[in-house]
């Protein structure tokens, strides 16, 4: 049980409840709630500082270190990716400045950050308003792939088609109500591929 492991590790280090609470900037009642498992499903944002204060790892507190993996199983390492909340699927809009929001994922997903989608321009790709799209940083994508694209200082999520022989870039929505966004010549100097969309997360409605 995670609560018992937290308590056992605290006692092993010779820490009182008050001392652990001070390390975490919490009150005694919160520590007791952790140890009594009154708080279910501790998130990685709680486990990471807790593990640091207890001089261990989140995996150890969760009991993963006691599990012997099968030789054919690939271990899953929890990741915490920065989440940008912007109008990523619709008319481009600036990323919010100074925002420190993160999303936890528990799959071995090769992504660098996530975008929270606003709008309906990508519904044909099953990406709906409010979905979270995971982006892998790269400066180019294959024709027809979905990418996060920077236009001047604004970002958008679209399917990309680049015709090198004509120096023509087409950003296509997955909704017939939206026209293609086309750029050519010197206009391309203000456009940059931020990364490829590799997965998305959608709430059940």
N, C-alpha and C. Protein backbone atom coordinates (compact mmCIF):
# COMPACT_ATOMS: atom_id res chain seq x y z
N UNK A 1 0.85 -1.18 0.00
CA UNK A 1 0.00 0.00 0.00
C UNK A 1 0.89 1.24 0.00
N UNK A 2 0.54 2.20 -0.84
CA UNK A 2 1.39 3.38 -0.99
C UNK A 2 1.49 4.18 0.31
N UNK A 3 0.39 4.26 1.06
CA UNK A 3 0.42 4.99 2.33
C UNK A 3 1.40 4.38 3.30
N UNK A 4 1.42 3.06 3.38
CA UNK A 4 2.36 2.38 4.28
C UNK A 4 3.79 2.60 3.83
N UNK A 5 4.03 2.59 2.51
CA UNK A 5 5.39 2.82 2.02
C UNK A 5 5.86 4.24 2.34
N UNK A 6 4.95 5.21 2.24
CA UNK A 6 5.31 6.58 2.59
C UNK A 6 5.68 6.67 4.07
N UNK A 7 4.84 6.08 4.91
CA UNK A 7 5.08 6.13 6.36
C UNK A 7 6.36 5.38 6.73
N UNK A 8 6.53 4.18 6.17
CA UNK A 8 7.73 3.39 6.48
C UNK A 8 9.00 4.13 6.09
N UNK A 9 8.98 4.78 4.91
CA UNK A 9 10.17 5.51 4.46
C UNK A 9 10.42 6.72 5.34
N UNK A 10 9.36 7.41 5.76
CA UNK A 10 9.53 8.56 6.65
C UNK A 10 10.18 8.13 7.96
N UNK A 11 9.67 7.03 8.53
CA UNK A 11 10.22 6.52 9.79
C UNK A 11 11.66 6.05 9.60
N UNK A 12 11.91 5.40 8.46
CA UNK A 12 13.27 4.92 8.16
C UNK A 12 14.27 6.07 8.15
N UNK A 13 13.84 7.23 7.65
CA UNK A 13 14.72 8.41 7.60
C UNK A 13 14.75 9.17 8.92
N UNK A 14 13.92 8.75 9.87
CA UNK A 14 13.88 9.44 11.16
C UNK A 14 13.16 10.77 11.11
N UNK A 15 12.24 10.92 10.15
CA UNK A 15 11.50 12.17 10.01
C UNK A 15 10.18 12.11 10.76
N UNK A 16 9.85 13.19 11.45
CA UNK A 16 8.52 13.28 12.05
C UNK A 16 7.53 13.75 11.00
N UNK A 17 6.26 13.64 11.31
CA UNK A 17 5.23 14.12 10.38
C UNK A 17 5.42 15.62 10.14
N UNK A 18 5.74 16.36 11.21
CA UNK A 18 5.94 17.80 11.08
C UNK A 18 7.11 18.12 10.16
N UNK A 19 8.19 17.36 10.28
CA UNK A 19 9.38 17.62 9.46
C UNK A 19 9.10 17.35 7.98
N UNK A 20 8.40 16.27 7.71
CA UNK A 20 8.06 15.97 6.32
C UNK A 20 7.11 17.03 5.77
N UNK A 21 6.16 17.46 6.58
CA UNK A 21 5.23 18.51 6.15
C UNK A 21 5.98 19.79 5.81
N UNK A 22 6.98 20.15 6.64
CA UNK A 22 7.77 21.36 6.38
C UNK A 22 8.54 21.24 5.07
N UNK A 23 9.10 20.07 4.80
CA UNK A 23 9.85 19.86 3.55
C UNK A 23 8.96 20.07 2.33
N UNK A 24 7.70 19.69 2.45
CA UNK A 24 6.78 19.75 1.31
C UNK A 24 5.97 21.05 1.28
N UNK A 25 6.08 21.85 2.34
CA UNK A 25 5.25 23.05 2.41
C UNK A 25 3.79 22.72 2.64
N UNK A 26 3.54 21.60 3.30
CA UNK A 26 2.17 21.16 3.58
C UNK A 26 1.93 21.22 5.10
N UNK A 27 0.69 20.92 5.50
CA UNK A 27 0.41 20.82 6.93
C UNK A 27 0.40 19.35 7.36
N UNK A 28 0.40 19.12 8.67
CA UNK A 28 0.45 17.75 9.20
C UNK A 28 -0.72 16.91 8.71
N UNK A 29 -1.89 17.54 8.63
CA UNK A 29 -3.09 16.79 8.23
C UNK A 29 -2.94 16.19 6.85
N UNK A 30 -2.27 16.93 5.95
CA UNK A 30 -2.07 16.42 4.58
C UNK A 30 -1.18 15.19 4.59
N UNK A 31 -0.12 15.21 5.39
CA UNK A 31 0.78 14.05 5.48
C UNK A 31 0.03 12.84 6.01
N UNK A 32 -0.78 13.06 7.05
CA UNK A 32 -1.57 11.95 7.59
C UNK A 32 -2.53 11.41 6.54
N UNK A 33 -3.08 12.29 5.70
CA UNK A 33 -3.99 11.84 4.64
C UNK A 33 -3.24 11.00 3.62
N UNK A 34 -1.97 11.37 3.29
CA UNK A 34 -1.16 10.55 2.39
C UNK A 34 -0.94 9.17 2.99
N UNK A 35 -0.55 9.15 4.27
CA UNK A 35 -0.18 7.88 4.90
C UNK A 35 -1.39 6.99 5.18
N UNK A 36 -2.54 7.60 5.40
CA UNK A 36 -3.76 6.82 5.64
C UNK A 36 -4.53 6.53 4.37
N UNK A 37 -3.96 7.02 3.22
CA UNK A 37 -4.57 6.83 1.90
C UNK A 37 -5.97 7.40 1.82
N UNK A 38 -6.16 8.54 2.51
CA UNK A 38 -7.42 9.25 2.37
C UNK A 38 -7.50 9.93 1.00
N UNK A 39 -6.31 10.21 0.42
CA UNK A 39 -6.24 10.77 -0.94
C UNK A 39 -5.90 9.62 -1.88
N UNK A 40 -6.79 9.28 -2.75
CA UNK A 40 -6.60 8.17 -3.67
C UNK A 40 -5.89 8.64 -4.94
N UNK A 41 -5.14 7.74 -5.56
CA UNK A 41 -4.51 7.99 -6.86
C UNK A 41 -3.68 9.28 -6.86
N UNK A 42 -2.63 9.28 -6.05
CA UNK A 42 -1.74 10.44 -5.99
C UNK A 42 -1.14 10.69 -7.37
N UNK A 43 -1.23 11.93 -7.84
CA UNK A 43 -0.70 12.26 -9.16
C UNK A 43 0.81 12.41 -9.09
N UNK A 44 1.45 12.43 -10.28
CA UNK A 44 2.90 12.56 -10.34
C UNK A 44 3.35 13.91 -9.78
N UNK A 45 2.49 14.93 -9.83
CA UNK A 45 2.84 16.24 -9.29
C UNK A 45 2.93 16.22 -7.77
N UNK A 46 2.26 15.25 -7.14
CA UNK A 46 2.38 15.05 -5.70
C UNK A 46 3.50 14.07 -5.40
N UNK A 47 3.57 12.99 -6.18
CA UNK A 47 4.55 11.94 -5.91
C UNK A 47 5.99 12.40 -6.08
N UNK A 48 6.26 13.25 -7.08
CA UNK A 48 7.64 13.67 -7.33
C UNK A 48 8.25 14.43 -6.14
N UNK A 49 7.60 15.50 -5.65
CA UNK A 49 8.18 16.19 -4.48
C UNK A 49 8.18 15.33 -3.22
N UNK A 50 7.17 14.47 -3.09
CA UNK A 50 7.11 13.58 -1.93
C UNK A 50 8.28 12.60 -1.96
N UNK A 51 8.54 12.02 -3.14
CA UNK A 51 9.67 11.10 -3.27
C UNK A 51 10.99 11.81 -3.02
N UNK A 52 11.12 13.04 -3.52
CA UNK A 52 12.35 13.82 -3.30
C UNK A 52 12.58 14.07 -1.81
N UNK A 53 11.51 14.44 -1.11
CA UNK A 53 11.63 14.71 0.33
C UNK A 53 11.98 13.45 1.10
N UNK A 54 11.54 12.29 0.59
CA UNK A 54 11.82 11.01 1.25
C UNK A 54 13.05 10.32 0.68
N UNK A 55 13.78 11.04 -0.19
CA UNK A 55 15.04 10.53 -0.76
C UNK A 55 14.84 9.18 -1.44
N UNK A 56 13.78 9.12 -2.25
CA UNK A 56 13.50 7.89 -3.00
C UNK A 56 12.93 8.27 -4.36
N UNK A 57 12.22 7.37 -4.99
CA UNK A 57 11.65 7.64 -6.31
C UNK A 57 10.14 7.42 -6.28
N UNK A 58 9.39 8.06 -7.21
CA UNK A 58 7.96 7.80 -7.29
C UNK A 58 7.66 6.32 -7.51
N UNK A 59 8.49 5.66 -8.33
CA UNK A 59 8.28 4.23 -8.60
C UNK A 59 8.38 3.41 -7.33
N UNK A 60 9.35 3.77 -6.46
CA UNK A 60 9.51 3.02 -5.21
C UNK A 60 8.31 3.23 -4.30
N UNK A 61 7.81 4.46 -4.23
CA UNK A 61 6.63 4.72 -3.38
C UNK A 61 5.41 3.98 -3.90
N UNK A 62 5.31 3.82 -5.22
CA UNK A 62 4.17 3.13 -5.80
C UNK A 62 4.33 1.62 -5.79
N UNK A 63 5.51 1.15 -5.38
CA UNK A 63 5.73 -0.29 -5.29
C UNK A 63 6.21 -0.94 -6.55
N UNK A 64 6.55 -0.12 -7.56
CA UNK A 64 6.99 -0.70 -8.83
C UNK A 64 8.35 -1.38 -8.70
N UNK A 65 9.17 -0.90 -7.76
CA UNK A 65 10.50 -1.49 -7.60
C UNK A 65 10.43 -2.92 -7.10
N UNK A 66 9.27 -3.29 -6.52
CA UNK A 66 9.12 -4.65 -6.01
C UNK A 66 8.62 -5.62 -7.07
N UNK A 67 8.31 -5.08 -8.25
CA UNK A 67 7.77 -5.92 -9.32
C UNK A 67 8.90 -6.37 -10.25
N UNK A 68 9.01 -7.63 -10.50
CA UNK A 68 10.02 -8.14 -11.41
C UNK A 68 9.39 -8.24 -12.79
N UNK A 69 9.83 -7.41 -13.73
CA UNK A 69 9.18 -7.39 -15.04
C UNK A 69 9.49 -8.64 -15.85
N UNK A 70 8.54 -9.07 -16.64
CA UNK A 70 8.76 -10.16 -17.59
C UNK A 70 9.74 -9.68 -18.65
N UNK A 71 10.60 -10.56 -19.12
CA UNK A 71 11.64 -10.18 -20.06
C UNK A 71 11.09 -9.59 -21.36
N UNK A 72 9.85 -9.92 -21.71
CA UNK A 72 9.28 -9.42 -22.95
C UNK A 72 8.46 -8.15 -22.78
N UNK A 73 8.33 -7.69 -21.52
CA UNK A 73 7.54 -6.49 -21.26
C UNK A 73 8.42 -5.26 -21.30
N UNK A 74 7.90 -4.19 -21.88
CA UNK A 74 8.62 -2.92 -21.94
C UNK A 74 8.11 -2.05 -20.80
N UNK A 75 9.00 -1.63 -19.88
CA UNK A 75 8.54 -0.82 -18.75
C UNK A 75 8.01 0.53 -19.22
N UNK A 76 6.97 1.01 -18.55
CA UNK A 76 6.38 2.30 -18.87
C UNK A 76 6.84 3.32 -17.85
N UNK A 77 7.42 4.40 -18.32
CA UNK A 77 7.91 5.45 -17.44
C UNK A 77 6.96 6.63 -17.51
N UNK A 78 6.37 7.02 -16.36
CA UNK A 78 5.47 8.18 -16.38
C UNK A 78 6.20 9.43 -16.87
N UNK A 79 5.51 10.24 -17.65
CA UNK A 79 6.08 11.48 -18.16
C UNK A 79 5.19 12.64 -17.79
N UNK A 80 5.80 13.79 -17.61
CA UNK A 80 5.05 15.02 -17.36
C UNK A 80 5.44 15.99 -18.46
N UNK A 81 4.47 16.31 -19.34
CA UNK A 81 4.74 17.17 -20.49
C UNK A 81 4.09 18.53 -20.31
N UNK A 82 4.77 19.60 -20.75
CA UNK A 82 4.15 20.92 -20.69
C UNK A 82 2.93 20.97 -21.59
N UNK A 83 1.87 21.58 -21.09
CA UNK A 83 0.62 21.70 -21.84
C UNK A 83 0.37 23.17 -22.17
N UNK A 84 0.25 23.46 -23.47
CA UNK A 84 -0.08 24.80 -23.92
C UNK A 84 -1.57 24.85 -24.23
N UNK A 85 -2.25 25.81 -23.64
CA UNK A 85 -3.68 25.96 -23.85
C UNK A 85 -3.90 27.12 -24.80
N UNK A 86 -4.06 26.80 -26.07
CA UNK A 86 -4.25 27.85 -27.06
C UNK A 86 -5.23 27.39 -28.11
N UNK A 87 -5.59 28.27 -28.99
CA UNK A 87 -6.53 27.92 -30.05
C UNK A 87 -5.77 27.21 -31.15
N UNK A 88 -5.41 25.95 -30.89
CA UNK A 88 -4.51 25.22 -31.78
C UNK A 88 -5.21 24.64 -33.00
N UNK A 89 -6.52 24.52 -32.95
CA UNK A 89 -7.24 23.98 -34.10
C UNK A 89 -8.34 24.96 -34.48
N UNK A 90 -8.04 25.91 -35.26
CA UNK A 90 -8.94 26.97 -35.66
C UNK A 90 -8.08 28.12 -36.13
N UNK A 91 -8.52 29.34 -35.95
CA UNK A 91 -7.65 30.46 -36.29
C UNK A 91 -6.48 30.48 -35.31
N UNK A 92 -5.25 30.67 -35.81
CA UNK A 92 -4.09 30.65 -34.92
C UNK A 92 -4.18 31.71 -33.83
N UNK A 93 -3.62 31.38 -32.67
CA UNK A 93 -3.59 32.33 -31.58
C UNK A 93 -2.29 32.14 -30.80
N UNK A 94 -1.80 33.19 -30.18
CA UNK A 94 -0.55 33.12 -29.42
C UNK A 94 -0.63 32.08 -28.32
N UNK A 95 0.52 31.40 -28.06
CA UNK A 95 0.62 30.59 -26.87
C UNK A 95 0.53 31.53 -25.67
N UNK A 96 -0.09 31.11 -24.58
CA UNK A 96 -0.12 31.98 -23.40
C UNK A 96 1.27 32.11 -22.80
N UNK A 97 1.67 33.32 -22.51
CA UNK A 97 3.00 33.56 -21.94
C UNK A 97 3.03 33.20 -20.45
N UNK A 98 4.12 32.57 -20.05
CA UNK A 98 4.33 32.29 -18.64
C UNK A 98 3.47 31.19 -18.06
N UNK A 99 2.73 30.49 -18.86
CA UNK A 99 1.86 29.43 -18.35
C UNK A 99 2.68 28.19 -18.02
N UNK A 100 2.50 27.67 -16.81
CA UNK A 100 3.18 26.45 -16.40
C UNK A 100 2.13 25.40 -16.05
N UNK A 101 1.63 24.75 -17.08
CA UNK A 101 0.63 23.70 -16.92
C UNK A 101 1.20 22.43 -17.51
N UNK A 102 0.99 21.30 -16.85
CA UNK A 102 1.56 20.04 -17.31
C UNK A 102 0.47 18.97 -17.39
N UNK A 103 0.72 18.00 -18.24
CA UNK A 103 -0.19 16.86 -18.37
C UNK A 103 0.62 15.59 -18.13
N UNK A 104 0.06 14.66 -17.35
CA UNK A 104 0.73 13.41 -17.04
C UNK A 104 0.32 12.34 -18.05
N UNK A 105 1.30 11.60 -18.56
CA UNK A 105 1.01 10.47 -19.43
C UNK A 105 1.74 9.25 -18.91
N UNK A 106 1.15 8.10 -19.07
CA UNK A 106 1.73 6.86 -18.55
C UNK A 106 1.96 5.85 -19.66
N UNK A 107 2.30 6.36 -20.84
CA UNK A 107 2.67 5.49 -21.95
C UNK A 107 4.04 5.92 -22.46
N UNK A 108 4.72 5.01 -23.13
CA UNK A 108 6.02 5.36 -23.70
C UNK A 108 5.81 6.10 -25.01
N UNK A 109 5.30 7.29 -24.89
CA UNK A 109 4.97 8.13 -26.03
C UNK A 109 6.11 9.10 -26.29
N UNK A 110 6.61 9.09 -27.52
CA UNK A 110 7.71 9.98 -27.87
C UNK A 110 7.15 11.34 -28.26
N UNK A 111 6.92 12.16 -27.24
CA UNK A 111 6.38 13.50 -27.45
C UNK A 111 7.11 14.47 -26.54
N UNK A 112 7.11 15.74 -26.93
CA UNK A 112 7.83 16.75 -26.17
C UNK A 112 6.91 17.71 -25.43
N UNK A 113 5.71 17.91 -25.93
CA UNK A 113 4.75 18.77 -25.25
C UNK A 113 3.35 18.47 -25.79
N UNK A 114 2.36 19.14 -25.21
CA UNK A 114 0.98 18.89 -25.61
C UNK A 114 0.27 20.22 -25.86
N UNK A 115 -0.74 20.16 -26.72
CA UNK A 115 -1.57 21.31 -27.03
C UNK A 115 -3.02 20.98 -26.70
N UNK A 116 -3.69 21.88 -25.99
CA UNK A 116 -5.12 21.71 -25.76
C UNK A 116 -5.86 22.40 -26.90
N UNK A 117 -6.68 21.64 -27.60
CA UNK A 117 -7.33 22.13 -28.81
C UNK A 117 -8.59 22.91 -28.49
N UNK A 118 -8.75 24.02 -29.21
CA UNK A 118 -9.99 24.79 -29.16
C UNK A 118 -10.51 24.93 -30.59
N UNK A 119 -11.75 24.61 -30.81
CA UNK A 119 -12.31 24.74 -32.14
C UNK A 119 -12.61 23.41 -32.78
N UNK A 120 -13.18 23.47 -33.99
CA UNK A 120 -13.66 22.25 -34.65
C UNK A 120 -13.02 22.01 -36.02
N UNK A 121 -11.90 22.67 -36.28
CA UNK A 121 -11.34 22.56 -37.63
C UNK A 121 -10.70 21.21 -37.91
N UNK A 122 -10.44 20.38 -36.87
CA UNK A 122 -9.79 19.08 -37.09
C UNK A 122 -10.69 17.90 -36.74
N UNK A 123 -12.01 18.11 -36.76
CA UNK A 123 -12.92 17.05 -36.33
C UNK A 123 -12.90 15.85 -37.27
N UNK A 124 -12.52 16.07 -38.53
CA UNK A 124 -12.44 14.95 -39.46
C UNK A 124 -11.33 13.98 -39.12
N UNK A 125 -10.36 14.44 -38.33
CA UNK A 125 -9.28 13.57 -37.84
C UNK A 125 -9.58 13.07 -36.44
N UNK A 126 -10.85 13.25 -36.00
CA UNK A 126 -11.33 12.85 -34.68
C UNK A 126 -10.70 13.67 -33.55
N UNK A 127 -10.17 14.84 -33.90
CA UNK A 127 -9.62 15.75 -32.90
C UNK A 127 -10.66 16.83 -32.64
N UNK A 128 -11.23 16.81 -31.46
CA UNK A 128 -12.36 17.68 -31.16
C UNK A 128 -11.97 18.79 -30.19
N UNK A 129 -12.88 19.72 -30.04
CA UNK A 129 -12.67 20.83 -29.10
C UNK A 129 -12.42 20.28 -27.70
N UNK A 130 -11.34 20.75 -27.06
CA UNK A 130 -11.00 20.29 -25.71
C UNK A 130 -10.04 19.12 -25.66
N UNK A 131 -9.78 18.47 -26.80
CA UNK A 131 -8.84 17.35 -26.82
C UNK A 131 -7.42 17.84 -26.59
N UNK A 132 -6.58 16.93 -26.15
CA UNK A 132 -5.16 17.23 -25.96
C UNK A 132 -4.36 16.47 -27.01
N UNK A 133 -3.56 17.20 -27.78
CA UNK A 133 -2.75 16.60 -28.84
C UNK A 133 -1.29 16.63 -28.43
N UNK A 134 -0.62 15.49 -28.58
CA UNK A 134 0.78 15.38 -28.18
C UNK A 134 1.68 15.61 -29.40
N UNK A 135 2.67 16.48 -29.22
CA UNK A 135 3.53 16.94 -30.30
C UNK A 135 4.97 16.49 -30.09
N UNK A 136 5.55 15.92 -31.15
CA UNK A 136 6.99 15.60 -31.14
C UNK A 136 7.72 16.68 -31.93
N UNK A 137 8.70 17.32 -31.31
CA UNK A 137 9.41 18.41 -31.97
C UNK A 137 10.16 17.91 -33.20
N UNK A 138 9.93 18.53 -34.33
CA UNK A 138 10.67 18.28 -35.54
C UNK A 138 10.37 19.41 -36.52
N UNK A 139 11.32 19.69 -37.40
CA UNK A 139 11.21 20.87 -38.26
C UNK A 139 10.53 20.61 -39.59
N UNK A 140 10.20 19.35 -39.87
CA UNK A 140 9.49 19.03 -41.11
C UNK A 140 8.64 17.79 -40.90
N UNK A 141 7.63 17.63 -41.75
CA UNK A 141 6.77 16.45 -41.71
C UNK A 141 6.51 16.00 -43.14
N UNK A 142 6.04 14.78 -43.28
CA UNK A 142 5.67 14.27 -44.59
C UNK A 142 4.34 14.89 -45.03
N UNK A 143 4.15 15.02 -46.33
CA UNK A 143 2.89 15.54 -46.85
C UNK A 143 1.72 14.70 -46.33
N UNK A 144 0.70 15.40 -45.83
CA UNK A 144 -0.48 14.73 -45.32
C UNK A 144 -0.46 14.47 -43.83
N UNK A 145 0.68 14.71 -43.17
CA UNK A 145 0.75 14.52 -41.73
C UNK A 145 0.24 15.77 -41.02
N UNK A 146 -0.26 15.57 -39.80
CA UNK A 146 -0.77 16.68 -38.99
C UNK A 146 0.37 17.24 -38.16
N UNK A 147 0.48 18.56 -38.15
CA UNK A 147 1.59 19.20 -37.44
C UNK A 147 1.11 20.46 -36.74
N UNK A 148 1.88 20.85 -35.72
CA UNK A 148 1.73 22.17 -35.11
C UNK A 148 2.61 23.11 -35.91
N UNK A 149 2.03 24.19 -36.38
CA UNK A 149 2.73 25.11 -37.28
C UNK A 149 2.71 26.51 -36.68
N UNK A 150 3.86 27.15 -36.68
CA UNK A 150 3.97 28.53 -36.19
C UNK A 150 3.87 29.48 -37.38
N UNK A 151 2.91 30.38 -37.32
CA UNK A 151 2.72 31.40 -38.36
C UNK A 151 2.91 32.75 -37.69
N UNK A 152 4.02 33.43 -38.03
CA UNK A 152 4.42 34.64 -37.30
C UNK A 152 4.59 34.25 -35.84
N UNK A 153 3.73 34.73 -34.94
CA UNK A 153 3.84 34.39 -33.52
C UNK A 153 2.66 33.57 -33.03
N UNK A 154 1.95 32.95 -33.95
CA UNK A 154 0.76 32.20 -33.57
C UNK A 154 0.88 30.74 -34.03
N UNK A 155 0.20 29.86 -33.30
CA UNK A 155 0.28 28.43 -33.62
C UNK A 155 -1.05 27.90 -34.08
N UNK A 156 -1.00 26.93 -34.97
CA UNK A 156 -2.21 26.25 -35.43
C UNK A 156 -1.89 24.78 -35.66
N UNK A 157 -2.92 23.96 -35.62
CA UNK A 157 -2.78 22.52 -35.87
C UNK A 157 -3.49 22.20 -37.17
N UNK A 158 -2.75 21.74 -38.16
CA UNK A 158 -3.33 21.48 -39.47
C UNK A 158 -2.60 20.32 -40.16
N UNK A 159 -3.23 19.79 -41.20
CA UNK A 159 -2.57 18.80 -42.06
C UNK A 159 -1.72 19.55 -43.07
N UNK A 160 -0.46 19.14 -43.22
CA UNK A 160 0.53 19.91 -43.98
C UNK A 160 0.81 19.28 -45.35
N UNK A 161 0.84 20.14 -46.37
CA UNK A 161 1.24 19.74 -47.71
C UNK A 161 2.22 20.79 -48.24
N UNK A 162 3.43 20.37 -48.56
CA UNK A 162 4.43 21.32 -49.09
C UNK A 162 4.87 20.85 -50.48
N UNK A 163 4.71 21.75 -51.46
CA UNK A 163 5.08 21.44 -52.83
C UNK A 163 6.34 22.24 -53.16
N UNK A 164 7.47 21.55 -53.00
CA UNK A 164 8.77 22.23 -53.09
C UNK A 164 8.98 22.87 -54.46
N UNK A 165 8.57 22.18 -55.53
CA UNK A 165 8.81 22.69 -56.88
C UNK A 165 8.09 24.00 -57.15
N UNK A 166 7.02 24.23 -56.39
CA UNK A 166 6.26 25.47 -56.55
C UNK A 166 6.45 26.42 -55.36
N UNK A 167 7.27 26.00 -54.38
CA UNK A 167 7.46 26.77 -53.15
C UNK A 167 6.11 27.15 -52.54
N UNK A 168 5.25 26.14 -52.44
CA UNK A 168 3.88 26.37 -51.99
C UNK A 168 3.57 25.49 -50.77
N UNK A 169 3.06 26.11 -49.74
CA UNK A 169 2.66 25.40 -48.52
C UNK A 169 1.15 25.50 -48.36
N UNK A 170 0.52 24.36 -48.13
CA UNK A 170 -0.92 24.31 -47.90
C UNK A 170 -1.17 23.71 -46.52
N UNK A 171 -1.91 24.44 -45.70
CA UNK A 171 -2.32 23.95 -44.39
C UNK A 171 -3.81 23.66 -44.47
N UNK A 172 -4.16 22.41 -44.28
CA UNK A 172 -5.55 21.97 -44.55
C UNK A 172 -6.24 21.54 -43.26
N UNK A 173 -7.41 22.07 -43.05
CA UNK A 173 -8.24 21.65 -41.93
C UNK A 173 -8.91 20.31 -42.24
N UNK A 174 -9.42 19.67 -41.21
CA UNK A 174 -10.20 18.44 -41.38
C UNK A 174 -11.66 18.74 -41.11
N UNK A 175 -12.12 19.81 -41.78
CA UNK A 175 -13.50 20.24 -41.66
C UNK A 175 -13.81 21.04 -42.92
N UNK A 176 -14.79 20.62 -43.71
CA UNK A 176 -15.06 21.30 -44.99
C UNK A 176 -15.50 22.76 -44.82
N UNK A 177 -15.82 23.16 -43.61
CA UNK A 177 -16.22 24.55 -43.38
C UNK A 177 -15.04 25.51 -43.35
N UNK A 178 -13.82 24.95 -43.34
CA UNK A 178 -12.62 25.78 -43.29
C UNK A 178 -11.89 25.70 -44.63
N UNK A 179 -11.48 26.84 -45.15
CA UNK A 179 -10.72 26.88 -46.39
C UNK A 179 -9.25 26.55 -46.13
N UNK A 180 -8.58 26.06 -47.16
CA UNK A 180 -7.14 25.83 -47.06
C UNK A 180 -6.42 27.15 -46.80
N UNK A 181 -5.36 27.07 -46.00
CA UNK A 181 -4.50 28.23 -45.78
C UNK A 181 -3.27 28.02 -46.67
N UNK A 182 -3.03 28.87 -47.61
CA UNK A 182 -1.94 28.69 -48.56
C UNK A 182 -0.92 29.81 -48.43
N UNK A 183 0.36 29.44 -48.58
CA UNK A 183 1.46 30.38 -48.45
C UNK A 183 2.51 30.05 -49.52
N UNK A 184 3.13 31.08 -50.05
CA UNK A 184 4.14 30.86 -51.08
C UNK A 184 5.16 31.98 -51.03
N UNK A 185 6.29 31.75 -51.72
CA UNK A 185 7.31 32.78 -51.85
C UNK A 185 7.82 33.28 -50.52
N UNK A 186 7.89 34.59 -50.37
CA UNK A 186 8.44 35.21 -49.16
C UNK A 186 7.56 34.95 -47.93
N UNK A 187 6.30 34.59 -48.13
CA UNK A 187 5.41 34.30 -46.99
C UNK A 187 5.92 33.12 -46.18
N UNK A 188 6.66 32.23 -46.83
CA UNK A 188 7.15 31.03 -46.14
C UNK A 188 8.20 31.36 -45.08
N UNK A 189 8.81 32.54 -45.19
CA UNK A 189 9.84 32.92 -44.23
C UNK A 189 9.29 33.09 -42.82
N UNK A 190 8.00 33.35 -42.71
CA UNK A 190 7.38 33.57 -41.40
C UNK A 190 6.64 32.35 -40.88
N UNK A 191 6.90 31.20 -41.51
CA UNK A 191 6.20 29.97 -41.11
C UNK A 191 7.22 28.90 -40.71
N UNK A 192 6.92 28.20 -39.63
CA UNK A 192 7.85 27.19 -39.12
C UNK A 192 7.06 25.99 -38.61
N UNK A 193 7.52 24.79 -38.98
CA UNK A 193 6.93 23.57 -38.44
C UNK A 193 7.47 23.38 -37.02
N UNK A 194 6.57 23.32 -36.05
CA UNK A 194 6.98 23.13 -34.66
C UNK A 194 7.15 21.66 -34.31
N UNK A 195 6.32 20.81 -34.90
CA UNK A 195 6.41 19.40 -34.58
C UNK A 195 5.25 18.61 -35.14
N UNK A 196 5.40 17.32 -35.10
CA UNK A 196 4.40 16.40 -35.63
C UNK A 196 3.44 15.94 -34.54
N UNK A 197 2.15 15.92 -34.86
CA UNK A 197 1.16 15.37 -33.93
C UNK A 197 1.27 13.85 -33.95
N UNK A 198 1.53 13.26 -32.77
CA UNK A 198 1.77 11.82 -32.71
C UNK A 198 0.66 11.06 -32.00
N UNK A 199 -0.18 11.78 -31.24
CA UNK A 199 -1.28 11.11 -30.53
C UNK A 199 -2.21 12.18 -29.99
N UNK A 200 -3.41 11.76 -29.60
CA UNK A 200 -4.30 12.69 -28.94
C UNK A 200 -5.08 11.99 -27.84
N UNK A 201 -5.56 12.79 -26.93
CA UNK A 201 -6.32 12.28 -25.77
C UNK A 201 -7.67 12.98 -25.75
N UNK A 202 -8.72 12.18 -25.67
CA UNK A 202 -10.06 12.75 -25.73
C UNK A 202 -10.88 12.24 -24.54
N UNK A 203 -11.66 13.13 -23.93
CA UNK A 203 -12.52 12.73 -22.83
C UNK A 203 -13.75 12.01 -23.37
N UNK A 204 -14.24 11.07 -22.60
CA UNK A 204 -15.48 10.39 -22.95
C UNK A 204 -16.63 11.32 -22.61
N UNK A 205 -17.52 11.52 -23.58
CA UNK A 205 -18.64 12.44 -23.36
C UNK A 205 -19.97 11.69 -23.43
